[in-house]
Amino acid sequence: MEQIALVVKDQSIVGWLGFDMLDTESNLNDCIEVLKPNQIISSETNLITLVDIFHKSTNPFFFVLRNNNIIGWISYIDLHGAPLGICLLAQILEIEKTCLNLCLLNPENNFKLLSTQQRNNAMSNYLKNNYSLNKDGKPYFAKTMELLPLKVKLYVLQKLFPANDIFYKS
């Protein structure tokens, strides 16, 4: 459905109409569909929630309601573009920032939680970026935590908060 229009009579919405629904042999009133509550979403709906709504629904589009006015419509196809990608990237970056902040609470201890291979990779990356060692010949562990990929930060958190920890109890 490429184009959708609201049908208004006496300043009240009486339904909607898609361009592909127009039939030259039918009366315009016969082409109008009733606007149903399950076809409306709030303009405050975030994109992640919207993806879930589309996943659970058979509606190919939703009318967008702000305050007491329908301001447009959004279809599943609209999600195949930059807005959703940017939203997902922003959420992943926020997760990574939170992981880093947790790793920085005790960076030296958390560095020791890494496997030998992970520590070697972290040190290689640290030295490759020309970061200096402290007076004891050790890296500045906070910087090593910053350089870790998200996957390794998640590994550290998994060691810090095992599945049987309080975060997973009901």
N, C-alpha and C. Protein backbone atom coordinates (compact mmCIF):
# COMPACT_ATOMS: atom_id res chain seq x y z
N MET A 1 0.86 -1.16 0.00
CA MET A 1 0.00 0.00 0.00
C MET A 1 0.91 1.23 0.00
N GLU A 2 0.89 1.97 -1.09
CA GLU A 2 1.79 3.10 -1.23
C GLU A 2 1.23 4.40 -0.70
N GLN A 3 -0.07 4.60 -0.85
CA GLN A 3 -0.68 5.84 -0.38
C GLN A 3 -1.95 5.53 0.39
N ILE A 4 -2.09 6.19 1.53
CA ILE A 4 -3.27 6.03 2.38
C ILE A 4 -3.78 7.42 2.72
N ALA A 5 -5.08 7.56 2.76
CA ALA A 5 -5.68 8.84 3.13
C ALA A 5 -6.79 8.61 4.14
N LEU A 6 -6.92 9.54 5.05
CA LEU A 6 -8.05 9.51 5.97
C LEU A 6 -9.25 10.12 5.26
N VAL A 7 -10.40 9.57 5.52
CA VAL A 7 -11.64 10.11 4.95
C VAL A 7 -12.33 10.89 6.06
N VAL A 8 -12.55 12.16 5.80
CA VAL A 8 -13.12 13.06 6.80
C VAL A 8 -14.46 13.59 6.30
N LYS A 9 -15.44 13.58 7.20
CA LYS A 9 -16.75 14.14 6.89
C LYS A 9 -17.18 14.99 8.10
N ASP A 10 -17.56 16.21 7.85
CA ASP A 10 -17.97 17.13 8.92
C ASP A 10 -16.90 17.22 10.01
N GLN A 11 -15.64 17.32 9.62
CA GLN A 11 -14.49 17.45 10.51
C GLN A 11 -14.27 16.25 11.42
N SER A 12 -14.85 15.10 11.08
CA SER A 12 -14.64 13.87 11.84
C SER A 12 -14.13 12.79 10.89
N ILE A 13 -13.21 11.99 11.38
CA ILE A 13 -12.68 10.89 10.57
C ILE A 13 -13.74 9.80 10.50
N VAL A 14 -14.08 9.41 9.29
CA VAL A 14 -15.08 8.36 9.11
C VAL A 14 -14.45 7.06 8.60
N GLY A 15 -13.19 7.10 8.27
CA GLY A 15 -12.52 5.89 7.80
C GLY A 15 -11.22 6.23 7.09
N TRP A 16 -10.74 5.25 6.32
CA TRP A 16 -9.52 5.45 5.57
C TRP A 16 -9.65 4.78 4.21
N LEU A 17 -8.72 5.14 3.35
CA LEU A 17 -8.80 4.69 1.99
C LEU A 17 -7.38 4.57 1.44
N GLY A 18 -7.09 3.45 0.83
CA GLY A 18 -5.80 3.27 0.17
C GLY A 18 -5.97 3.49 -1.32
N PHE A 19 -4.94 4.06 -1.95
CA PHE A 19 -5.02 4.34 -3.38
C PHE A 19 -5.34 3.06 -4.17
N ASP A 20 -4.77 1.95 -3.74
CA ASP A 20 -5.00 0.68 -4.44
C ASP A 20 -6.41 0.13 -4.21
N MET A 21 -7.16 0.75 -3.30
CA MET A 21 -8.53 0.30 -3.02
C MET A 21 -9.55 0.98 -3.93
N LEU A 22 -9.13 2.02 -4.62
CA LEU A 22 -10.05 2.74 -5.50
C LEU A 22 -10.42 1.87 -6.70
N ASP A 23 -11.69 1.86 -6.98
CA ASP A 23 -12.22 1.07 -8.10
C ASP A 23 -13.07 2.00 -8.96
N THR A 24 -12.76 2.09 -10.22
CA THR A 24 -13.48 3.02 -11.10
C THR A 24 -14.95 2.66 -11.24
N GLU A 25 -15.30 1.41 -10.92
CA GLU A 25 -16.70 1.00 -11.08
C GLU A 25 -17.48 1.04 -9.77
N SER A 26 -16.84 1.46 -8.69
CA SER A 26 -17.50 1.50 -7.39
C SER A 26 -17.69 2.94 -6.93
N ASN A 27 -18.66 3.11 -6.07
CA ASN A 27 -18.88 4.39 -5.41
C ASN A 27 -17.74 4.58 -4.41
N LEU A 28 -17.26 5.80 -4.24
CA LEU A 28 -16.17 6.09 -3.32
C LEU A 28 -16.48 5.60 -1.90
N ASN A 29 -17.73 5.76 -1.46
CA ASN A 29 -18.11 5.30 -0.12
C ASN A 29 -17.95 3.80 0.04
N ASP A 30 -18.07 3.04 -1.04
CA ASP A 30 -17.91 1.59 -0.96
C ASP A 30 -16.45 1.17 -0.78
N CYS A 31 -15.52 2.05 -1.07
CA CYS A 31 -14.09 1.74 -0.98
C CYS A 31 -13.51 2.06 0.40
N ILE A 32 -14.23 2.81 1.21
CA ILE A 32 -13.74 3.27 2.50
C ILE A 32 -13.77 2.13 3.52
N GLU A 33 -12.68 2.03 4.29
CA GLU A 33 -12.59 1.08 5.40
C GLU A 33 -12.77 1.83 6.71
N VAL A 34 -13.39 1.19 7.68
CA VAL A 34 -13.56 1.77 9.01
C VAL A 34 -12.21 1.76 9.72
N LEU A 35 -11.91 2.85 10.39
CA LEU A 35 -10.67 2.93 11.17
C LEU A 35 -10.90 2.22 12.50
N LYS A 36 -10.09 1.18 12.76
CA LYS A 36 -10.24 0.37 13.98
C LYS A 36 -9.16 0.73 14.99
N PRO A 37 -9.47 0.61 16.27
CA PRO A 37 -8.48 0.94 17.31
C PRO A 37 -7.17 0.15 17.18
N ASN A 38 -7.23 -1.09 16.70
CA ASN A 38 -6.00 -1.88 16.60
C ASN A 38 -5.13 -1.46 15.41
N GLN A 39 -5.56 -0.41 14.68
CA GLN A 39 -4.78 0.13 13.57
C GLN A 39 -4.09 1.44 13.97
N ILE A 40 -4.15 1.77 15.25
CA ILE A 40 -3.62 3.05 15.72
C ILE A 40 -2.52 2.81 16.75
N ILE A 41 -1.42 3.56 16.61
CA ILE A 41 -0.37 3.55 17.63
C ILE A 41 -0.06 4.99 18.02
N SER A 42 0.54 5.14 19.16
CA SER A 42 0.91 6.46 19.65
C SER A 42 2.18 6.95 18.97
N SER A 43 2.28 8.23 18.79
CA SER A 43 3.52 8.81 18.24
C SER A 43 4.67 8.66 19.24
N GLU A 44 4.35 8.33 20.48
CA GLU A 44 5.38 8.12 21.51
C GLU A 44 5.97 6.72 21.48
N THR A 45 5.45 5.84 20.63
CA THR A 45 5.93 4.46 20.55
C THR A 45 7.36 4.46 20.03
N ASN A 46 8.27 3.82 20.79
CA ASN A 46 9.65 3.78 20.32
C ASN A 46 9.80 2.72 19.23
N LEU A 47 10.87 2.82 18.46
CA LEU A 47 11.05 1.94 17.30
C LEU A 47 11.18 0.47 17.69
N ILE A 48 11.82 0.18 18.79
CA ILE A 48 11.98 -1.21 19.21
C ILE A 48 10.62 -1.81 19.54
N THR A 49 9.79 -1.06 20.23
CA THR A 49 8.43 -1.52 20.54
C THR A 49 7.63 -1.67 19.26
N LEU A 50 7.81 -0.75 18.33
CA LEU A 50 7.10 -0.81 17.06
C LEU A 50 7.45 -2.08 16.28
N VAL A 51 8.70 -2.46 16.29
CA VAL A 51 9.11 -3.71 15.63
C VAL A 51 8.36 -4.88 16.25
N ASP A 52 8.28 -4.90 17.57
CA ASP A 52 7.56 -5.97 18.27
C ASP A 52 6.07 -5.95 17.92
N ILE A 53 5.49 -4.78 17.82
CA ILE A 53 4.07 -4.65 17.46
C ILE A 53 3.84 -5.22 16.06
N PHE A 54 4.69 -4.87 15.12
CA PHE A 54 4.55 -5.41 13.77
C PHE A 54 4.72 -6.93 13.78
N HIS A 55 5.64 -7.42 14.58
CA HIS A 55 5.89 -8.86 14.66
C HIS A 55 4.65 -9.62 15.15
N LYS A 56 3.92 -9.02 16.07
CA LYS A 56 2.76 -9.69 16.67
C LYS A 56 1.45 -9.41 15.94
N SER A 57 1.49 -8.54 14.94
CA SER A 57 0.27 -8.10 14.28
C SER A 57 0.23 -8.54 12.82
N THR A 58 -0.98 -8.59 12.29
CA THR A 58 -1.13 -8.85 10.85
C THR A 58 -1.36 -7.54 10.09
N ASN A 59 -1.44 -6.43 10.82
CA ASN A 59 -1.62 -5.13 10.17
C ASN A 59 -0.37 -4.77 9.37
N PRO A 60 -0.52 -4.40 8.11
CA PRO A 60 0.65 -3.99 7.33
C PRO A 60 1.08 -2.55 7.62
N PHE A 61 0.24 -1.80 8.33
CA PHE A 61 0.55 -0.42 8.67
C PHE A 61 -0.27 -0.01 9.89
N PHE A 62 0.12 1.11 10.48
CA PHE A 62 -0.62 1.68 11.61
C PHE A 62 -0.75 3.18 11.40
N PHE A 63 -1.87 3.72 11.83
CA PHE A 63 -2.04 5.16 11.86
C PHE A 63 -1.36 5.67 13.13
N VAL A 64 -0.73 6.82 13.05
CA VAL A 64 0.03 7.37 14.17
C VAL A 64 -0.79 8.49 14.80
N LEU A 65 -1.03 8.35 16.10
CA LEU A 65 -1.85 9.29 16.87
C LEU A 65 -0.96 10.12 17.79
N ARG A 66 -1.09 11.44 17.69
CA ARG A 66 -0.42 12.34 18.62
C ARG A 66 -1.51 13.19 19.26
N ASN A 67 -1.53 13.17 20.58
CA ASN A 67 -2.60 13.83 21.33
C ASN A 67 -3.93 13.26 20.85
N ASN A 68 -4.72 14.05 20.17
CA ASN A 68 -6.02 13.56 19.72
C ASN A 68 -6.12 13.61 18.19
N ASN A 69 -4.96 13.65 17.52
CA ASN A 69 -4.96 13.78 16.07
C ASN A 69 -4.12 12.69 15.41
N ILE A 70 -4.62 12.17 14.33
CA ILE A 70 -3.84 11.24 13.52
C ILE A 70 -2.93 12.09 12.65
N ILE A 71 -1.61 11.86 12.78
CA ILE A 71 -0.64 12.72 12.09
C ILE A 71 0.03 12.03 10.92
N GLY A 72 -0.28 10.77 10.70
CA GLY A 72 0.33 10.06 9.59
C GLY A 72 0.13 8.57 9.75
N TRP A 73 0.95 7.82 9.01
CA TRP A 73 0.89 6.36 9.11
C TRP A 73 2.28 5.80 8.89
N ILE A 74 2.51 4.60 9.40
CA ILE A 74 3.80 3.93 9.26
C ILE A 74 3.55 2.48 8.87
N SER A 75 4.34 1.99 7.95
CA SER A 75 4.21 0.61 7.52
C SER A 75 5.46 -0.16 7.90
N TYR A 76 5.36 -1.46 7.82
CA TYR A 76 6.49 -2.33 8.12
C TYR A 76 7.67 -1.98 7.21
N ILE A 77 7.40 -1.66 5.97
CA ILE A 77 8.45 -1.34 5.00
C ILE A 77 9.25 -0.11 5.45
N ASP A 78 8.58 0.81 6.15
CA ASP A 78 9.27 2.00 6.64
C ASP A 78 10.40 1.66 7.62
N LEU A 79 10.33 0.47 8.22
CA LEU A 79 11.35 0.07 9.19
C LEU A 79 12.64 -0.38 8.52
N HIS A 80 12.60 -0.61 7.22
CA HIS A 80 13.78 -1.08 6.50
C HIS A 80 14.64 0.09 6.04
N GLY A 81 15.01 0.93 6.97
CA GLY A 81 15.78 2.09 6.59
C GLY A 81 16.62 2.60 7.75
N ALA A 82 17.13 3.78 7.57
CA ALA A 82 18.05 4.37 8.53
C ALA A 82 17.49 4.56 9.94
N PRO A 83 16.23 5.00 10.13
CA PRO A 83 15.80 5.27 11.51
C PRO A 83 15.94 4.07 12.45
N LEU A 84 15.52 2.90 12.00
CA LEU A 84 15.63 1.73 12.87
C LEU A 84 17.08 1.34 13.06
N GLY A 85 17.87 1.38 12.00
CA GLY A 85 19.29 1.05 12.11
C GLY A 85 20.01 1.96 13.09
N ILE A 86 19.72 3.24 13.01
CA ILE A 86 20.34 4.21 13.92
C ILE A 86 19.88 3.96 15.35
N CYS A 87 18.61 3.66 15.53
CA CYS A 87 18.07 3.36 16.86
C CYS A 87 18.75 2.14 17.47
N LEU A 88 18.90 1.09 16.68
CA LEU A 88 19.56 -0.13 17.16
C LEU A 88 21.02 0.13 17.50
N LEU A 89 21.71 0.88 16.65
CA LEU A 89 23.10 1.22 16.92
C LEU A 89 23.21 2.01 18.22
N ALA A 90 22.33 2.97 18.42
CA ALA A 90 22.36 3.78 19.64
C ALA A 90 22.14 2.90 20.87
N GLN A 91 21.25 1.93 20.77
CA GLN A 91 21.01 1.05 21.92
C GLN A 91 22.21 0.15 22.19
N ILE A 92 22.84 -0.35 21.13
CA ILE A 92 24.04 -1.18 21.31
C ILE A 92 25.15 -0.36 21.95
N LEU A 93 25.33 0.88 21.50
CA LEU A 93 26.35 1.75 22.09
C LEU A 93 26.06 2.04 23.56
N GLU A 94 24.79 2.19 23.89
CA GLU A 94 24.42 2.41 25.30
C GLU A 94 24.72 1.17 26.14
N ILE A 95 24.47 0.00 25.58
CA ILE A 95 24.80 -1.25 26.29
C ILE A 95 26.30 -1.33 26.50
N GLU A 96 27.08 -1.01 25.44
CA GLU A 96 28.54 -1.07 25.57
C GLU A 96 29.04 -0.08 26.62
N LYS A 97 28.46 1.10 26.65
CA LYS A 97 28.85 2.11 27.64
C LYS A 97 28.58 1.61 29.06
N THR A 98 27.43 0.99 29.25
CA THR A 98 27.08 0.45 30.57
C THR A 98 28.04 -0.67 30.96
N CYS A 99 28.35 -1.55 30.01
CA CYS A 99 29.32 -2.63 30.27
C CYS A 99 30.67 -2.06 30.67
N LEU A 100 31.13 -1.05 29.93
CA LEU A 100 32.41 -0.43 30.24
C LEU A 100 32.39 0.18 31.63
N ASN A 101 31.34 0.90 31.96
CA ASN A 101 31.25 1.51 33.29
C ASN A 101 31.33 0.46 34.40
N LEU A 102 30.71 -0.69 34.18
CA LEU A 102 30.80 -1.77 35.17
C LEU A 102 32.22 -2.34 35.22
N CYS A 103 32.85 -2.50 34.08
CA CYS A 103 34.22 -3.01 34.04
C CYS A 103 35.20 -2.04 34.70
N LEU A 104 34.91 -0.75 34.62
CA LEU A 104 35.80 0.26 35.19
C LEU A 104 35.69 0.38 36.71
N LEU A 105 34.72 -0.28 37.30
CA LEU A 105 34.59 -0.22 38.76
C LEU A 105 35.81 -0.82 39.46
N ASN A 106 36.41 -1.83 38.82
CA ASN A 106 37.63 -2.44 39.35
C ASN A 106 38.42 -2.99 38.16
N PRO A 107 39.04 -2.10 37.38
CA PRO A 107 39.63 -2.53 36.12
C PRO A 107 40.77 -3.55 36.25
N GLU A 108 41.61 -3.40 37.27
CA GLU A 108 42.73 -4.35 37.40
C GLU A 108 42.22 -5.75 37.71
N ASN A 109 41.27 -5.85 38.63
CA ASN A 109 40.69 -7.15 38.95
C ASN A 109 39.95 -7.74 37.75
N ASN A 110 39.22 -6.88 37.04
CA ASN A 110 38.46 -7.36 35.88
C ASN A 110 39.37 -7.79 34.75
N PHE A 111 40.54 -7.15 34.62
CA PHE A 111 41.52 -7.57 33.62
C PHE A 111 41.98 -9.00 33.93
N LYS A 112 42.13 -9.30 35.21
CA LYS A 112 42.56 -10.65 35.62
C LYS A 112 41.50 -11.71 35.34
N LEU A 113 40.25 -11.31 35.17
CA LEU A 113 39.18 -12.26 34.86
C LEU A 113 39.24 -12.74 33.41
N LEU A 114 39.96 -12.02 32.58
CA LEU A 114 40.06 -12.40 31.17
C LEU A 114 40.86 -13.68 31.01
N SER A 115 40.56 -14.41 29.97
CA SER A 115 41.38 -15.59 29.65
C SER A 115 42.76 -15.12 29.23
N THR A 116 43.72 -16.01 29.21
CA THR A 116 45.07 -15.67 28.80
C THR A 116 45.08 -15.07 27.41
N GLN A 117 44.34 -15.67 26.50
CA GLN A 117 44.28 -15.17 25.13
C GLN A 117 43.67 -13.76 25.09
N GLN A 118 42.61 -13.54 25.86
CA GLN A 118 41.98 -12.22 25.89
C GLN A 118 42.92 -11.17 26.48
N ARG A 119 43.67 -11.55 27.54
CA ARG A 119 44.64 -10.61 28.12
C ARG A 119 45.75 -10.29 27.12
N ASN A 120 46.25 -11.33 26.42
CA ASN A 120 47.29 -11.11 25.41
C ASN A 120 46.79 -10.18 24.30
N ASN A 121 45.57 -10.42 23.83
CA ASN A 121 44.99 -9.56 22.79
C ASN A 121 44.81 -8.13 23.28
N ALA A 122 44.35 -8.00 24.53
CA ALA A 122 44.15 -6.66 25.10
C ALA A 122 45.48 -5.93 25.22
N MET A 123 46.52 -6.62 25.67
CA MET A 123 47.84 -6.00 25.81
C MET A 123 48.42 -5.64 24.44
N SER A 124 48.25 -6.51 23.48
CA SER A 124 48.73 -6.25 22.13
C SER A 124 48.06 -4.99 21.56
N ASN A 125 46.75 -4.89 21.75
CA ASN A 125 46.00 -3.73 21.28
C ASN A 125 46.44 -2.47 22.04
N TYR A 126 46.67 -2.61 23.33
CA TYR A 126 47.10 -1.50 24.18
C TYR A 126 48.44 -0.95 23.69
N LEU A 127 49.39 -1.85 23.48
CA LEU A 127 50.73 -1.43 23.04
C LEU A 127 50.73 -0.94 21.60
N LYS A 128 49.91 -1.56 20.77
CA LYS A 128 49.82 -1.14 19.36
C LYS A 128 49.32 0.30 19.26
N ASN A 129 48.51 0.72 20.22
CA ASN A 129 48.00 2.09 20.25
C ASN A 129 48.95 3.05 20.98
N ASN A 130 50.14 2.54 21.30
CA ASN A 130 51.21 3.35 21.93
C ASN A 130 50.82 3.94 23.28
N TYR A 131 50.03 3.19 24.04
CA TYR A 131 49.74 3.63 25.40
C TYR A 131 50.92 3.24 26.28
N SER A 132 51.21 4.06 27.25
CA SER A 132 52.38 3.82 28.10
C SER A 132 52.04 2.87 29.25
N LEU A 133 53.08 2.34 29.83
CA LEU A 133 52.95 1.49 31.01
C LEU A 133 53.19 2.36 32.24
N ASN A 134 52.64 1.92 33.38
CA ASN A 134 52.86 2.69 34.60
C ASN A 134 54.26 2.41 35.15
N LYS A 135 54.60 3.00 36.28
CA LYS A 135 55.95 2.86 36.84
C LYS A 135 56.29 1.42 37.20
N ASP A 136 55.26 0.56 37.40
CA ASP A 136 55.48 -0.85 37.71
C ASP A 136 55.56 -1.70 36.44
N GLY A 137 55.51 -1.06 35.29
CA GLY A 137 55.59 -1.80 34.03
C GLY A 137 54.27 -2.46 33.64
N LYS A 138 53.18 -2.03 34.26
CA LYS A 138 51.87 -2.59 33.95
C LYS A 138 51.06 -1.56 33.15
N PRO A 139 50.06 -2.06 32.44
CA PRO A 139 49.22 -1.11 31.69
C PRO A 139 48.30 -0.36 32.64
N TYR A 140 47.79 0.73 32.17
CA TYR A 140 46.73 1.40 32.91
C TYR A 140 45.46 0.60 32.60
N PHE A 141 45.00 -0.13 33.60
CA PHE A 141 43.95 -1.12 33.36
C PHE A 141 42.63 -0.50 32.90
N ALA A 142 42.36 0.72 33.31
CA ALA A 142 41.14 1.37 32.83
C ALA A 142 41.18 1.50 31.31
N LYS A 143 42.35 1.83 30.77
CA LYS A 143 42.48 1.97 29.32
C LYS A 143 42.33 0.61 28.64
N THR A 144 42.84 -0.45 29.27
CA THR A 144 42.68 -1.79 28.66
C THR A 144 41.20 -2.16 28.60
N MET A 145 40.43 -1.77 29.62
CA MET A 145 38.99 -2.06 29.62
C MET A 145 38.30 -1.29 28.49
N GLU A 146 38.73 -0.04 28.27
CA GLU A 146 38.13 0.77 27.21
C GLU A 146 38.38 0.16 25.84
N LEU A 147 39.51 -0.48 25.66
CA LEU A 147 39.89 -1.03 24.36
C LEU A 147 39.25 -2.39 24.06
N LEU A 148 38.66 -3.01 25.07
CA LEU A 148 38.08 -4.35 24.86
C LEU A 148 36.85 -4.27 23.96
N PRO A 149 36.69 -5.24 23.08
CA PRO A 149 35.45 -5.30 22.30
C PRO A 149 34.26 -5.62 23.22
N LEU A 150 33.08 -5.28 22.77
CA LEU A 150 31.87 -5.52 23.57
C LEU A 150 31.77 -6.98 24.00
N LYS A 151 32.07 -7.89 23.12
CA LYS A 151 31.99 -9.32 23.43
C LYS A 151 32.84 -9.67 24.66
N VAL A 152 34.02 -9.09 24.76
CA VAL A 152 34.91 -9.39 25.88
C VAL A 152 34.41 -8.68 27.15
N LYS A 153 33.88 -7.48 27.01
CA LYS A 153 33.29 -6.81 28.18
C LYS A 153 32.14 -7.64 28.73
N LEU A 154 31.35 -8.20 27.84
CA LEU A 154 30.25 -9.05 28.29
C LEU A 154 30.78 -10.31 28.98
N TYR A 155 31.89 -10.83 28.51
CA TYR A 155 32.55 -11.99 29.15
C TYR A 155 32.93 -11.64 30.58
N VAL A 156 33.51 -10.44 30.77
CA VAL A 156 33.89 -9.99 32.12
C VAL A 156 32.66 -9.92 33.01
N LEU A 157 31.59 -9.34 32.49
CA LEU A 157 30.37 -9.21 33.29
C LEU A 157 29.77 -10.56 33.62
N GLN A 158 29.90 -11.49 32.69
CA GLN A 158 29.41 -12.85 32.96
C GLN A 158 30.20 -13.48 34.11
N LYS A 159 31.49 -13.19 34.17
CA LYS A 159 32.31 -13.68 35.29
C LYS A 159 31.94 -12.99 36.60
N LEU A 160 31.64 -11.70 36.50
CA LEU A 160 31.29 -10.93 37.71
C LEU A 160 29.91 -11.29 38.24
N PHE A 161 28.99 -11.54 37.32
CA PHE A 161 27.60 -11.79 37.69
C PHE A 161 27.15 -13.12 37.09
N PRO A 162 27.55 -14.24 37.68
CA PRO A 162 27.15 -15.54 37.12
C PRO A 162 25.63 -15.72 37.13
N ALA A 163 25.17 -16.67 36.34
CA ALA A 163 23.73 -16.89 36.17
C ALA A 163 23.01 -17.18 37.47
N ASN A 164 23.68 -17.70 38.46
CA ASN A 164 23.01 -18.00 39.73
C ASN A 164 23.06 -16.82 40.70
N ASP A 165 23.50 -15.67 40.21
CA ASP A 165 23.60 -14.48 41.05
C ASP A 165 22.22 -13.87 41.27
N ILE A 166 22.16 -12.84 42.09
CA ILE A 166 20.89 -12.22 42.46
C ILE A 166 20.14 -11.64 41.28
N PHE A 167 20.85 -11.27 40.19
CA PHE A 167 20.19 -10.66 39.06
C PHE A 167 19.27 -11.65 38.34
N TYR A 168 19.48 -12.92 38.54
CA TYR A 168 18.71 -13.92 37.81
C TYR A 168 17.71 -14.65 38.69
N LYS A 169 17.63 -14.28 39.95
CA LYS A 169 16.67 -14.94 40.84
C LYS A 169 15.31 -14.30 40.67
N SER A 170 14.27 -15.13 40.80
CA SER A 170 12.91 -14.59 40.65
C SER A 170 12.38 -14.08 41.96
